[in-house]
Amino acid sequence: MAMTTDATRTIAALEARLAALEGASAVRRTMTRYMALCDVPSGALDGESLGRLFKADALWEGIGPQYTSKFGRIEGREAIVAMLARYLPPEPHFATNVHFLTSESIDMLTPVRAKGRWIMLQASGYVDDRAELIGARLDVDFVPASESSPGASQWLIAHFRTERLFDAPWRVSPRPTA
């Protein structure tokens, strides 16, 4: 028995909605892993790396008055990972660093393009005993790991933009010893 035109359209619409939900979930997982890998100590799992989260020709840029001059525009996966590595162990920069994301908005623009927006709070303690809270706006474009597979379970960062909104000093308490 052949399906009716209405049934075919309904199934196509449901498939598109399911692909959008799965894409948004994959975008969220990519962003969560990115933040965990930038935390100190890192929330890395075996075999994970920042490089696996970016397209080969990805862009990463600081925007706005404070971050344009501090970070500028970095092009390409290797250059982005090298820049981020300057802030991560074994480099002596952060003693502790934790990222919190809120105000999430993920738009599935097409089956192979998504845009995510977040407000990030970064709580950083530095090796020189300074500490600060940083609020930033993140605007990130994503594509499926395989652009020929819109339903791919992994989406990659294609263009990462961060704009500092505020900063404030804070105090990091020493970790309790056992």
C-alpha atoms as a PDB file:
ATOM      1  CA  MET A   1       0.000   0.000   0.000  1.00  0.00           C
ATOM      2  CA  ALA A   2       1.480   3.351  -1.029  1.00  0.00           C
ATOM      3  CA  MET A   3       1.687   6.224   1.423  1.00  0.00           C
ATOM      4  CA  THR A   4      -0.455   9.258   0.847  1.00  0.00           C
ATOM      5  CA  THR A   5       1.100  12.596   0.018  1.00  0.00           C
ATOM      6  CA  ASP A   6       0.040  13.903   3.443  1.00  0.00           C
ATOM      7  CA  ALA A   7       1.701  10.989   5.225  1.00  0.00           C
ATOM      8  CA  THR A   8       4.889  11.453   3.192  1.00  0.00           C
ATOM      9  CA  ARG A   9       4.969  15.157   4.095  1.00  0.00           C
ATOM     10  CA  THR A  10       4.311  14.399   7.755  1.00  0.00           C
ATOM     11  CA  ILE A  11       7.138  11.863   7.884  1.00  0.00           C
ATOM     12  CA  ALA A  12       9.526  14.299   6.121  1.00  0.00           C
ATOM     13  CA  ALA A  13       8.597  17.056   8.587  1.00  0.00           C
ATOM     14  CA  LEU A  14       9.152  14.729  11.552  1.00  0.00           C
ATOM     15  CA  GLU A  15      12.518  13.607  10.154  1.00  0.00           C
ATOM     16  CA  ALA A  16      13.577  17.266   9.759  1.00  0.00           C
ATOM     17  CA  ARG A  17      12.496  18.060  13.326  1.00  0.00           C
ATOM     18  CA  LEU A  18      14.346  15.016  14.661  1.00  0.00           C
ATOM     19  CA  ALA A  19      17.507  15.980  12.745  1.00  0.00           C
ATOM     20  CA  ALA A  20      17.286  19.518  14.185  1.00  0.00           C
ATOM     21  CA  LEU A  21      16.915  18.181  17.744  1.00  0.00           C
ATOM     22  CA  GLU A  22      19.815  15.749  17.276  1.00  0.00           C
ATOM     23  CA  GLY A  23      21.941  18.516  15.738  1.00  0.00           C
ATOM     24  CA  ALA A  24      21.250  20.891  18.637  1.00  0.00           C
ATOM     25  CA  SER A  25      22.126  18.140  21.105  1.00  0.00           C
ATOM     26  CA  ALA A  26      25.397  17.448  19.269  1.00  0.00           C
ATOM     27  CA  VAL A  27      26.254  21.173  19.246  1.00  0.00           C
ATOM     28  CA  ARG A  28      25.640  21.302  22.997  1.00  0.00           C
ATOM     29  CA  ARG A  29      27.936  18.268  23.545  1.00  0.00           C
ATOM     30  CA  THR A  30      30.713  19.877  21.470  1.00  0.00           C
ATOM     31  CA  MET A  31      30.497  23.116  23.449  1.00  0.00           C
ATOM     32  CA  THR A  32      30.414  21.244  26.767  1.00  0.00           C
ATOM     33  CA  ARG A  33      33.556  19.271  25.823  1.00  0.00           C
ATOM     34  CA  TYR A  34      35.308  22.465  24.686  1.00  0.00           C
ATOM     35  CA  MET A  35      34.687  24.098  28.064  1.00  0.00           C
ATOM     36  CA  ALA A  36      35.722  20.983  30.004  1.00  0.00           C
ATOM     37  CA  LEU A  37      38.980  20.754  28.024  1.00  0.00           C
ATOM     38  CA  CYS A  38      39.690  24.430  28.786  1.00  0.00           C
ATOM     39  CA  ASP A  39      39.123  23.916  32.523  1.00  0.00           C
ATOM     40  CA  VAL A  40      42.088  23.472  34.866  1.00  0.00           C
ATOM     41  CA  PRO A  41      42.372  20.790  35.967  1.00  0.00           C
ATOM     42  CA  SER A  42      40.998  19.514  32.673  1.00  0.00           C
ATOM     43  CA  GLY A  43      37.879  17.443  32.399  1.00  0.00           C
ATOM     44  CA  ALA A  44      39.454  15.477  29.532  1.00  0.00           C
ATOM     45  CA  LEU A  45      38.548  11.899  28.813  1.00  0.00           C
ATOM     46  CA  ASP A  46      40.998   9.412  27.258  1.00  0.00           C
ATOM     47  CA  GLY A  47      41.861  10.374  23.704  1.00  0.00           C
ATOM     48  CA  GLU A  48      40.089  13.736  23.762  1.00  0.00           C
ATOM     49  CA  SER A  49      41.723  16.845  22.373  1.00  0.00           C
ATOM     50  CA  LEU A  50      40.677  20.388  21.587  1.00  0.00           C
ATOM     51  CA  GLY A  51      41.755  19.893  17.978  1.00  0.00           C
ATOM     52  CA  ARG A  52      39.057  17.291  17.410  1.00  0.00           C
ATOM     53  CA  LEU A  53      36.387  19.899  18.159  1.00  0.00           C
ATOM     54  CA  PHE A  54      37.353  22.307  15.350  1.00  0.00           C
ATOM     55  CA  LYS A  55      37.040  22.245  11.574  1.00  0.00           C
ATOM     56  CA  ALA A  56      40.437  22.271   9.855  1.00  0.00           C
ATOM     57  CA  ASP A  57      39.824  25.831   8.584  1.00  0.00           C
ATOM     58  CA  ALA A  58      38.057  27.089  11.730  1.00  0.00           C
ATOM     59  CA  LEU A  59      38.253  30.692  12.952  1.00  0.00           C
ATOM     60  CA  TRP A  60      38.581  31.745  16.614  1.00  0.00           C
ATOM     61  CA  GLU A  61      38.405  35.414  17.471  1.00  0.00           C
ATOM     62  CA  GLY A  62      38.157  37.849  20.280  1.00  0.00           C
ATOM     63  CA  ILE A  63      35.740  40.660  19.546  1.00  0.00           C
ATOM     64  CA  GLY A  64      34.848  43.871  21.331  1.00  0.00           C
ATOM     65  CA  PRO A  65      37.105  46.449  22.968  1.00  0.00           C
ATOM     66  CA  GLN A  66      38.953  44.088  25.320  1.00  0.00           C
ATOM     67  CA  TYR A  67      39.299  40.891  23.292  1.00  0.00           C
ATOM     68  CA  THR A  68      39.981  42.204  19.781  1.00  0.00           C
ATOM     69  CA  SER A  69      43.436  43.401  20.812  1.00  0.00           C
ATOM     70  CA  LYS A  70      44.105  40.558  23.291  1.00  0.00           C
ATOM     71  CA  PHE A  71      43.229  37.641  20.991  1.00  0.00           C
ATOM     72  CA  GLY A  72      42.590  38.988  17.519  1.00  0.00           C
ATOM     73  CA  ARG A  73      41.617  36.492  14.823  1.00  0.00           C
ATOM     74  CA  ILE A  74      43.212  33.036  14.718  1.00  0.00           C
ATOM     75  CA  GLU A  75      42.765  30.938  11.580  1.00  0.00           C
ATOM     76  CA  GLY A  76      43.048  27.164  11.318  1.00  0.00           C
ATOM     77  CA  ARG A  77      42.728  24.288  13.783  1.00  0.00           C
ATOM     78  CA  GLU A  78      46.464  24.025  14.555  1.00  0.00           C
ATOM     79  CA  ALA A  79      46.839  27.773  15.221  1.00  0.00           C
ATOM     80  CA  ILE A  80      43.759  27.777  17.461  1.00  0.00           C
ATOM     81  CA  VAL A  81      44.972  24.803  19.504  1.00  0.00           C
ATOM     82  CA  ALA A  82      48.445  26.400  19.818  1.00  0.00           C
ATOM     83  CA  MET A  83      46.882  29.633  21.129  1.00  0.00           C
ATOM     84  CA  LEU A  84      44.695  27.786  23.632  1.00  0.00           C
ATOM     85  CA  ALA A  85      47.655  25.639  24.767  1.00  0.00           C
ATOM     86  CA  ARG A  86      49.406  28.798  26.021  1.00  0.00           C
ATOM     87  CA  TYR A  87      46.803  28.915  28.790  1.00  0.00           C
ATOM     88  CA  LEU A  88      46.663  25.210  29.678  1.00  0.00           C
ATOM     89  CA  PRO A  89      48.989  22.865  31.574  1.00  0.00           C
ATOM     90  CA  PRO A  90      51.848  22.251  31.436  1.00  0.00           C
ATOM     91  CA  GLU A  91      52.102  26.018  30.770  1.00  0.00           C
ATOM     92  CA  PRO A  92      52.121  27.939  34.077  1.00  0.00           C
ATOM     93  CA  HIS A  93      49.079  30.172  33.668  1.00  0.00           C
ATOM     94  CA  PHE A  94      45.989  28.968  35.560  1.00  0.00           C
ATOM     95  CA  ALA A  95      46.064  27.313  38.975  1.00  0.00           C
ATOM     96  CA  THR A  96      42.351  26.662  38.543  1.00  0.00           C
ATOM     97  CA  ASN A  97      39.930  27.602  35.800  1.00  0.00           C
ATOM     98  CA  VAL A  98      36.246  26.679  35.523  1.00  0.00           C
ATOM     99  CA  HIS A  99      33.727  27.676  32.848  1.00  0.00           C
ATOM    100  CA  PHE A 100      29.966  27.960  33.366  1.00  0.00           C
ATOM    101  CA  LEU A 101      27.561  28.435  30.452  1.00  0.00           C
ATOM    102  CA  THR A 102      24.080  29.935  30.621  1.00  0.00           C
ATOM    103  CA  SER A 103      21.471  31.719  28.477  1.00  0.00           C
ATOM    104  CA  GLU A 104      21.855  29.103  25.761  1.00  0.00           C
ATOM    105  CA  SER A 105      20.335  29.612  22.344  1.00  0.00           C
ATOM    106  CA  ILE A 106      20.999  27.093  19.551  1.00  0.00           C
ATOM    107  CA  ASP A 107      19.561  27.721  16.106  1.00  0.00           C
ATOM    108  CA  MET A 108      19.683  25.038  13.440  1.00  0.00           C
ATOM    109  CA  LEU A 109      20.008  27.347  10.437  1.00  0.00           C
ATOM    110  CA  THR A 110      20.186  24.555   7.836  1.00  0.00           C
ATOM    111  CA  PRO A 111      20.762  20.801   8.082  1.00  0.00           C
ATOM    112  CA  VAL A 112      24.520  21.529   7.872  1.00  0.00           C
ATOM    113  CA  ARG A 113      24.835  24.814   9.781  1.00  0.00           C
ATOM    114  CA  ALA A 114      24.044  25.783  13.376  1.00  0.00           C
ATOM    115  CA  LYS A 115      24.675  28.840  15.536  1.00  0.00           C
ATOM    116  CA  GLY A 116      24.968  28.761  19.307  1.00  0.00           C
ATOM    117  CA  ARG A 117      24.998  31.683  21.726  1.00  0.00           C
ATOM    118  CA  TRP A 118      25.864  31.562  25.405  1.00  0.00           C
ATOM    119  CA  ILE A 119      26.822  33.795  28.286  1.00  0.00           C
ATOM    120  CA  MET A 120      29.909  32.354  29.955  1.00  0.00           C
ATOM    121  CA  LEU A 121      31.177  32.909  33.478  1.00  0.00           C
ATOM    122  CA  GLN A 122      34.832  31.964  33.855  1.00  0.00           C
ATOM    123  CA  ALA A 123      36.234  31.633  37.368  1.00  0.00           C
ATOM    124  CA  SER A 124      40.010  31.792  37.131  1.00  0.00           C
ATOM    125  CA  GLY A 125      42.745  31.453  39.715  1.00  0.00           C
ATOM    126  CA  TYR A 126      46.220  32.220  38.367  1.00  0.00           C
ATOM    127  CA  VAL A 127      49.565  30.756  39.356  1.00  0.00           C
ATOM    128  CA  ASP A 128      50.597  34.196  40.695  1.00  0.00           C
ATOM    129  CA  ASP A 129      47.725  33.973  43.261  1.00  0.00           C
ATOM    130  CA  ARG A 130      45.476  36.508  41.490  1.00  0.00           C
ATOM    131  CA  ALA A 131      41.909  35.463  40.768  1.00  0.00           C
ATOM    132  CA  GLU A 132      39.075  36.929  38.734  1.00  0.00           C
ATOM    133  CA  LEU A 133      35.605  36.267  37.416  1.00  0.00           C
ATOM    134  CA  ILE A 134      35.070  37.002  33.732  1.00  0.00           C
ATOM    135  CA  GLY A 135      31.718  37.299  31.985  1.00  0.00           C
ATOM    136  CA  ALA A 136      31.747  36.864  28.211  1.00  0.00           C
ATOM    137  CA  ARG A 137      29.323  36.489  25.337  1.00  0.00           C
ATOM    138  CA  LEU A 138      30.037  33.528  23.050  1.00  0.00           C
ATOM    139  CA  ASP A 139      28.741  33.351  19.489  1.00  0.00           C
ATOM    140  CA  VAL A 140      29.733  30.086  17.807  1.00  0.00           C
ATOM    141  CA  ASP A 141      29.026  28.596  14.368  1.00  0.00           C
ATOM    142  CA  PHE A 142      28.997  24.805  13.950  1.00  0.00           C
ATOM    143  CA  VAL A 143      28.952  22.295  11.094  1.00  0.00           C
ATOM    144  CA  PRO A 144      28.569  18.501  11.180  1.00  0.00           C
ATOM    145  CA  ALA A 145      31.856  16.601  11.353  1.00  0.00           C
ATOM    146  CA  SER A 146      30.907  15.173   7.977  1.00  0.00           C
ATOM    147  CA  GLU A 147      29.043  17.840   6.001  1.00  0.00           C
ATOM    148  CA  SER A 148      27.676  15.081   3.826  1.00  0.00           C
ATOM    149  CA  SER A 149      25.955  13.663   6.937  1.00  0.00           C
ATOM    150  CA  PRO A 150      23.626  16.323   8.401  1.00  0.00           C
ATOM    151  CA  GLY A 151      22.478  13.837  11.064  1.00  0.00           C
ATOM    152  CA  ALA A 152      26.084  13.332  12.243  1.00  0.00           C
ATOM    153  CA  SER A 153      26.468  12.747  15.960  1.00  0.00           C
ATOM    154  CA  GLN A 154      29.426  15.156  16.192  1.00  0.00           C
ATOM    155  CA  TRP A 155      29.384  18.782  15.153  1.00  0.00           C
ATOM    156  CA  LEU A 156      32.537  20.881  14.883  1.00  0.00           C
ATOM    157  CA  ILE A 157      33.278  24.494  15.721  1.00  0.00           C
ATOM    158  CA  ALA A 158      33.611  26.478  12.495  1.00  0.00           C
ATOM    159  CA  HIS A 159      33.791  30.027  13.924  1.00  0.00           C
ATOM    160  CA  PHE A 160      34.179  30.855  17.627  1.00  0.00           C
ATOM    161  CA  ARG A 161      33.686  34.469  18.758  1.00  0.00           C
ATOM    162  CA  THR A 162      34.117  35.659  22.348  1.00  0.00           C
ATOM    163  CA  GLU A 163      33.457  39.129  23.738  1.00  0.00           C
ATOM    164  CA  ARG A 164      34.365  40.087  27.293  1.00  0.00           C
ATOM    165  CA  LEU A 165      31.440  41.729  29.076  1.00  0.00           C
ATOM    166  CA  PHE A 166      32.897  42.280  32.560  1.00  0.00           C
ATOM    167  CA  ASP A 167      35.498  41.117  35.029  1.00  0.00           C
ATOM    168  CA  ALA A 168      35.703  41.214  38.805  1.00  0.00           C
ATOM    169  CA  PRO A 169      38.313  40.110  41.354  1.00  0.00           C
ATOM    170  CA  TRP A 170      37.572  37.213  43.654  1.00  0.00           C
ATOM    171  CA  ARG A 171      39.379  34.988  46.138  1.00  0.00           C
ATOM    172  CA  VAL A 172      40.261  31.351  45.552  1.00  0.00           C
ATOM    173  CA  SER A 173      40.334  29.315  48.747  1.00  0.00           C
ATOM    174  CA  PRO A 174      43.083  26.708  49.023  1.00  0.00           C
ATOM    175  CA  ARG A 175      42.017  23.106  48.477  1.00  0.00           C
ATOM    176  CA  PRO A 176      41.541  21.135  51.670  1.00  0.00           C
ATOM    177  CA  THR A 177      44.183  18.487  52.280  1.00  0.00           C
ATOM    178  CA  ALA A 178      43.252  14.989  53.319  1.00  0.00           C
END
